[in-house]
Structures are given as C-alpha cells and as structure tokens.
C-alpha cells in the first residue's frame, strides 16, 4: 500500500489515502471515483465494504477484435463480510495484473483469507491500479483503464 498505512494505536489509517483520492479526482471516471472515495467500501462495519470479504472467483478474459486488437478484462467476485451479498468488480482495458498467493502461515487451508485492506491509485495517464491485500499476505493488483463495481444480494 502506498497511501493506506498501519498505525499500531489506531489500526489502518486512511487519512492520507482519502486526501490523495481527492487530489486525483479529476483524472478518474465517476464510477471509479465513487468507489475509491466512498468510506463504505473500507468501513469495517459496513455490509458493502470489501474488508473481511472473501475472494470467490477471478475471471480473466482476453477479447480479440479485428479493429480494436486484443484486450484483457478481469472480473473479481467477493462474498461480502456478512455473507449476504456479492461484491463484483470488473476491470477492463487491463494493462497489467498480478495475483500472488502466499503460503498460509497460520496452518489454515484457506488460501487468501479475508480482504484486509485495499486502495486505488493513478498509475499513469488514464491507467489506474487497484491493490488488495488479504489477511494471509496474498495480494491482487490490477492496472486498468475502465472500472465497474456492483453489489448483488445473495
């Protein structure tokens, strides 16, 4: 994480992150800004938060088209922390991604465990990054051009 920091007295500190998001607001689409700036997407007690959600599925699709060339899109589905909704994030125009699963240190067979923290950043002109850190230490980072976020009831 570049802007979200951990403080031993208060836990995860988003103050620097939310200031950063405001500073780059004009470079983001409305949908991306709404997601990145909404406290409910980070709040430990909000049912729409990614915090404590479980990654259920990642789909990577490489589209090919004669006129537009090849492009990659990724859809990630999370079971919400209260297990009553799915949080679906779709990244289009993907330029780079990395999914790194660490060996579980706690003896559990759960691979990624809960989403611990995440942040959105500007990577380059018109390109953004979403970095997600799981409680196991695993990470999921996507660099993308277009973004969609929706919530569905289970």
Protein backbone atom coordinates (compact mmCIF):
# COMPACT_ATOMS: atom_id res chain seq x y z
CA UNK A 1 0.00 0.00 0.00
CA UNK A 2 1.27 3.44 -0.86
CA UNK A 3 -1.29 5.66 0.89
CA UNK A 4 -3.11 3.46 3.41
CA UNK A 5 -0.82 2.94 6.38
CA UNK A 6 -0.95 0.89 9.54
CA UNK A 7 -0.66 2.57 12.93
CA UNK A 8 -0.29 0.31 15.97
CA UNK A 9 -2.55 2.60 18.03
CA UNK A 10 -5.42 3.17 15.59
CA UNK A 11 -5.10 0.34 13.07
CA UNK A 12 -5.44 1.04 9.35
CA UNK A 13 -5.19 4.76 8.68
CA UNK A 14 -6.95 6.02 5.55
CA UNK A 15 -6.47 9.78 6.08
CA UNK A 16 -3.56 10.10 3.65
CA UNK A 17 -5.34 7.85 1.16
CA UNK A 18 -8.58 9.87 1.09
CA UNK A 19 -6.59 13.10 0.69
CA UNK A 20 -4.77 11.50 -2.24
CA UNK A 21 -8.05 10.39 -3.86
CA UNK A 22 -9.36 13.96 -3.66
CA UNK A 23 -6.15 15.25 -5.26
CA UNK A 24 -6.57 12.93 -8.30
CA UNK A 25 -10.37 13.14 -8.54
CA UNK A 26 -10.38 14.87 -11.94
CA UNK A 27 -8.37 12.07 -13.54
CA UNK A 28 -10.92 9.36 -12.56
CA UNK A 29 -14.21 8.32 -14.12
CA UNK A 30 -17.28 8.95 -11.99
CA UNK A 31 -17.63 5.22 -11.25
CA UNK A 32 -14.02 4.83 -10.14
CA UNK A 33 -14.07 7.99 -8.03
CA UNK A 34 -17.34 6.93 -6.37
CA UNK A 35 -15.82 3.57 -5.43
CA UNK A 36 -12.40 4.90 -4.37
CA UNK A 37 -13.78 7.77 -2.29
CA UNK A 38 -16.72 6.05 -0.59
CA UNK A 39 -15.95 5.24 3.03
CA UNK A 40 -18.48 2.40 2.93
CA UNK A 41 -16.08 0.42 0.72
CA UNK A 42 -13.45 0.46 3.50
CA UNK A 43 -15.55 0.63 6.71
CA UNK A 44 -15.18 -2.50 8.84
CA UNK A 45 -18.86 -2.39 9.88
CA UNK A 46 -20.47 -1.64 6.50
CA UNK A 47 -22.04 -4.56 4.64
CA UNK A 48 -20.82 -3.16 1.29
CA UNK A 49 -17.18 -2.99 2.39
CA UNK A 50 -14.53 -5.17 0.81
CA UNK A 51 -12.95 -5.51 4.25
CA UNK A 52 -13.36 -9.10 5.52
CA UNK A 53 -14.93 -10.22 2.22
CA UNK A 54 -13.78 -13.46 0.62
CA UNK A 55 -12.49 -13.73 -2.91
CA UNK A 56 -14.64 -16.39 -4.58
CA UNK A 57 -13.70 -16.14 -8.24
CA UNK A 58 -11.44 -14.28 -10.63
CA UNK A 59 -12.18 -14.43 -14.33
CA UNK A 60 -9.60 -13.29 -16.88
CA UNK A 61 -10.85 -12.89 -20.43
CA UNK A 62 -8.78 -11.93 -23.44
CA UNK A 63 -11.04 -10.43 -26.07
CA UNK A 64 -9.90 -10.24 -29.65
CA UNK A 65 -11.25 -7.93 -32.28
CA UNK A 66 -10.04 -7.16 -35.76
CA UNK A 67 -10.35 -3.39 -35.43
CA UNK A 68 -9.57 -2.84 -31.78
CA UNK A 69 -6.92 -5.50 -31.24
CA UNK A 70 -6.73 -7.73 -28.20
CA UNK A 71 -7.73 -6.59 -24.75
CA UNK A 72 -7.95 -8.14 -21.31
CA UNK A 73 -10.72 -7.78 -18.76
CA UNK A 74 -10.85 -9.18 -15.26
CA UNK A 75 -13.90 -9.77 -13.11
CA UNK A 76 -13.44 -10.48 -9.40
CA UNK A 77 -16.33 -11.73 -7.26
CA UNK A 78 -16.22 -11.42 -3.48
CA UNK A 79 -18.60 -12.79 -0.88
CA UNK A 80 -19.33 -9.87 1.44
CA UNK A 81 -18.18 -10.00 5.05
CA UNK A 82 -21.73 -10.66 6.29
CA UNK A 83 -22.28 -13.36 3.61
CA UNK A 84 -25.46 -11.66 2.41
CA UNK A 85 -24.15 -10.08 -0.80
CA UNK A 86 -21.63 -10.40 -3.59
CA UNK A 87 -19.31 -7.55 -4.45
CA UNK A 88 -18.41 -7.67 -8.12
CA UNK A 89 -15.58 -5.63 -9.58
CA UNK A 90 -14.89 -5.58 -13.31
CA UNK A 91 -11.69 -4.14 -14.72
CA UNK A 92 -11.49 -3.50 -18.48
CA UNK A 93 -8.55 -2.40 -20.58
CA UNK A 94 -6.28 -4.31 -18.22
CA UNK A 95 -2.65 -3.47 -18.83
CA UNK A 96 -1.06 -5.47 -16.05
CA UNK A 97 -2.08 -7.73 -13.20
CA UNK A 98 -0.53 -9.85 -10.53
CA UNK A 99 -2.11 -12.34 -8.19
CA UNK A 100 0.29 -13.59 -5.56
CA UNK A 101 -0.82 -16.22 -3.08
CA UNK A 102 1.47 -16.72 -0.13
CA UNK A 103 1.84 -19.91 1.80
CA UNK A 104 -0.56 -19.76 4.73
CA UNK A 105 1.35 -19.12 7.93
CA UNK A 106 -1.40 -19.97 10.38
CA UNK A 107 -1.91 -23.59 9.45
CA UNK A 108 -5.33 -22.97 7.90
CA UNK A 109 -6.14 -24.35 4.48
CA UNK A 110 -7.84 -21.11 3.44
CA UNK A 111 -5.71 -19.68 0.64
CA UNK A 112 -6.31 -15.93 0.57
CA UNK A 113 -8.36 -15.46 3.75
CA UNK A 114 -10.23 -12.16 4.22
CA UNK A 115 -9.62 -8.90 2.37
CA UNK A 116 -7.65 -6.85 4.85
CA UNK A 117 -7.16 -3.53 3.07
CA UNK A 118 -7.25 -2.07 -0.45
CA UNK A 119 -6.51 1.15 -2.29
CA UNK A 120 -6.95 2.69 -5.74
CA UNK A 121 -4.16 4.73 -7.34
CA UNK A 122 -3.37 6.55 -10.56
CA UNK A 123 -0.66 4.53 -12.32
CA UNK A 124 -0.27 6.60 -15.49
CA UNK A 125 -2.38 8.90 -17.65
CA UNK A 126 -5.70 7.08 -17.99
CA UNK A 127 -4.42 3.97 -16.18
CA UNK A 128 -5.31 3.12 -12.58
CA UNK A 129 -4.29 0.46 -10.08
CA UNK A 130 -6.34 -1.37 -7.51
CA UNK A 131 -4.25 -3.14 -4.89
CA UNK A 132 -5.86 -5.61 -2.49
CA UNK A 133 -4.08 -7.15 0.49
CA UNK A 134 -5.51 -10.28 2.10
CA UNK A 135 -5.02 -11.27 5.73
CA UNK A 136 -2.82 -14.19 4.60
CA UNK A 137 -0.38 -11.75 2.99
CA UNK A 138 -1.59 -12.63 -0.51
CA UNK A 139 -2.04 -9.73 -2.92
CA UNK A 140 -4.06 -8.90 -6.03
CA UNK A 141 -3.01 -5.88 -8.09
CA UNK A 142 -4.67 -4.80 -11.34
CA UNK A 143 -3.70 -1.92 -13.66
CA UNK A 144 -6.73 -0.97 -15.79
CA UNK A 145 -8.39 1.73 -17.87
CA UNK A 146 -12.08 1.12 -17.13
CA UNK A 147 -13.87 0.08 -13.96
CA UNK A 148 -17.26 -1.19 -12.86
CA UNK A 149 -18.42 -2.04 -9.32
CA UNK A 150 -21.75 -3.52 -8.32
CA UNK A 151 -23.33 -5.31 -5.39
CA UNK A 152 -25.84 -8.14 -5.64
CA UNK A 153 -27.87 -9.78 -2.88
CA UNK A 154 -27.16 -13.46 -2.23
